[in-house]
Amino acid sequence: MPFREPDDRLWEELKPILPVRSPHGGRRADLRRLFTGVLYVLTTGVAWADAPRCYGAKSTMHRLHLHLCRTGKYSRLVEVMRAHGYDTGRLDLSRCRVDHPDRTTRLSDWPRAGPR
């Protein structure tokens, strides 16, 4: 199955979970485009440096990914995406870790819906 961008209905539910402002205080780039780029990289397995330019600056996409890892928002995002029938089984979150004072949890260890 090829990469599928989130549709308008799904985006309306994902948007409130994502950060409102740029963590660096600057103007926020198109958040939908950036998040779709993050999904593209996580789904296809391409390196951040090889992400298509149409999704925005590679460094900005990567910073958004790191922010989502640090804040633990991927679990909620994946939950919403699954509820809308988005194929999350192909998302590779193995390099994303959520640091906790007591432990480090790899997001790839979280239960998945359906066969991989």
Protein backbone atom coordinates (compact mmCIF):
# COMPACT_ATOMS: atom_id res chain seq x y z
CA MET A 1 0.00 0.00 0.00
CA PRO A 2 1.51 3.37 -0.98
CA PHE A 3 1.88 6.31 1.39
CA ARG A 4 -1.43 8.05 2.05
CA GLU A 5 -1.66 11.61 3.30
CA PRO A 6 -4.19 12.36 6.07
CA ASP A 7 -7.52 13.53 4.66
CA ASP A 8 -9.35 16.67 5.85
CA ARG A 9 -11.50 14.84 8.41
CA LEU A 10 -8.52 13.15 10.01
CA TRP A 11 -6.52 16.37 9.95
CA GLU A 12 -9.21 18.21 11.92
CA GLU A 13 -8.78 15.69 14.75
CA LEU A 14 -4.98 15.61 14.59
CA LYS A 15 -4.52 19.39 14.54
CA PRO A 16 -5.44 20.05 18.21
CA ILE A 17 -2.90 17.45 19.37
CA LEU A 18 -0.01 19.07 17.51
CA PRO A 19 1.92 22.08 18.85
CA VAL A 20 0.28 25.44 18.20
CA ARG A 21 3.44 27.54 18.20
CA SER A 22 6.94 26.97 16.97
CA PRO A 23 9.13 25.76 19.86
CA HIS A 24 11.70 28.37 18.81
CA GLY A 25 9.28 31.29 18.87
CA GLY A 26 9.43 31.97 15.15
CA ARG A 27 6.61 31.83 12.63
CA ARG A 28 5.18 28.36 12.32
CA ALA A 29 5.53 26.71 8.95
CA ASP A 30 2.48 24.95 7.48
CA LEU A 31 1.88 22.40 10.23
CA ARG A 32 -0.22 20.07 8.10
CA ARG A 33 2.47 19.91 5.45
CA LEU A 34 5.21 19.33 8.03
CA PHE A 35 3.31 16.60 9.86
CA THR A 36 2.51 14.88 6.57
CA GLY A 37 6.24 14.98 5.81
CA VAL A 38 6.99 13.38 9.17
CA LEU A 39 4.46 10.64 8.39
CA TYR A 40 6.06 10.18 4.96
CA VAL A 41 9.51 9.65 6.49
CA LEU A 42 8.21 7.31 9.20
CA THR A 43 6.15 5.29 6.73
CA THR A 44 8.58 4.98 3.82
CA GLY A 45 11.78 4.74 5.86
CA VAL A 46 13.66 7.37 3.86
CA ALA A 47 16.27 9.40 5.69
CA TRP A 48 15.28 12.88 6.88
CA ALA A 49 17.78 14.30 4.40
CA ASP A 50 15.93 12.56 1.55
CA ALA A 51 12.43 13.72 2.48
CA PRO A 52 10.61 15.39 -0.42
CA ARG A 53 10.90 19.18 -0.35
CA CYS A 54 7.14 19.54 -0.92
CA TYR A 55 6.63 18.81 2.80
CA GLY A 56 8.85 21.65 3.96
CA ALA A 57 12.35 22.00 5.32
CA LYS A 58 13.87 18.70 6.38
CA SER A 59 15.27 20.19 9.59
CA THR A 60 11.87 21.63 10.53
CA MET A 61 10.16 18.28 9.92
CA HIS A 62 12.80 16.56 12.04
CA ARG A 63 12.38 19.10 14.86
CA LEU A 64 8.62 18.49 14.83
CA HIS A 65 9.27 14.74 15.03
CA LEU A 66 11.64 15.22 17.98
CA HIS A 67 9.10 17.45 19.71
CA LEU A 68 6.40 14.80 19.29
CA CYS A 69 8.79 12.18 20.70
CA ARG A 70 9.77 14.30 23.70
CA THR A 71 6.22 15.27 24.57
CA GLY A 72 4.82 11.76 24.11
CA LYS A 73 2.14 12.92 21.67
CA TYR A 74 2.70 10.11 19.17
CA SER A 75 0.55 7.71 21.19
CA ARG A 76 -2.49 9.99 20.93
CA LEU A 77 -1.81 10.79 17.27
CA VAL A 78 -1.56 7.09 16.38
CA GLU A 79 -4.74 6.37 18.35
CA VAL A 80 -6.69 9.01 16.39
CA MET A 81 -5.22 7.83 13.09
CA ARG A 82 -6.22 4.23 13.80
CA ALA A 83 -9.76 5.33 14.69
CA HIS A 84 -9.98 6.89 11.21
CA GLY A 85 -8.71 3.76 9.48
CA TYR A 86 -5.24 5.11 8.70
CA ASP A 87 -2.71 2.30 8.29
CA THR A 88 -0.37 2.90 11.25
CA GLY A 89 1.24 -0.53 11.04
CA ARG A 90 3.84 0.84 8.64
CA LEU A 91 4.89 3.74 10.89
CA ASP A 92 8.41 3.07 12.14
CA LEU A 93 8.66 4.74 15.52
CA SER A 94 11.59 2.59 16.65
CA ARG A 95 13.99 5.54 16.78
CA CYS A 96 11.62 7.60 18.89
CA ARG A 97 12.05 7.26 22.62
CA VAL A 98 10.01 8.84 25.36
CA ASP A 99 12.26 9.70 28.28
CA HIS A 100 10.79 9.25 31.69
CA PRO A 101 12.54 9.82 35.02
CA ASP A 102 12.24 6.09 35.81
CA ARG A 103 12.59 4.50 32.39
CA THR A 104 12.95 4.99 28.67
CA THR A 105 10.12 3.57 26.56
CA ARG A 106 10.49 2.86 22.90
CA LEU A 107 7.32 3.76 21.03
CA SER A 108 7.84 0.72 18.82
CA ASP A 109 7.14 -1.44 21.89
CA TRP A 110 3.59 -0.12 22.16
CA PRO A 111 0.84 -2.50 21.06
CA ARG A 112 -0.18 -2.28 17.43
CA ALA A 113 -3.61 -2.78 15.94
CA GLY A 114 -3.81 -5.74 13.60
CA PRO A 115 -1.02 -7.57 11.80
CA ARG A 116 2.10 -5.72 10.88
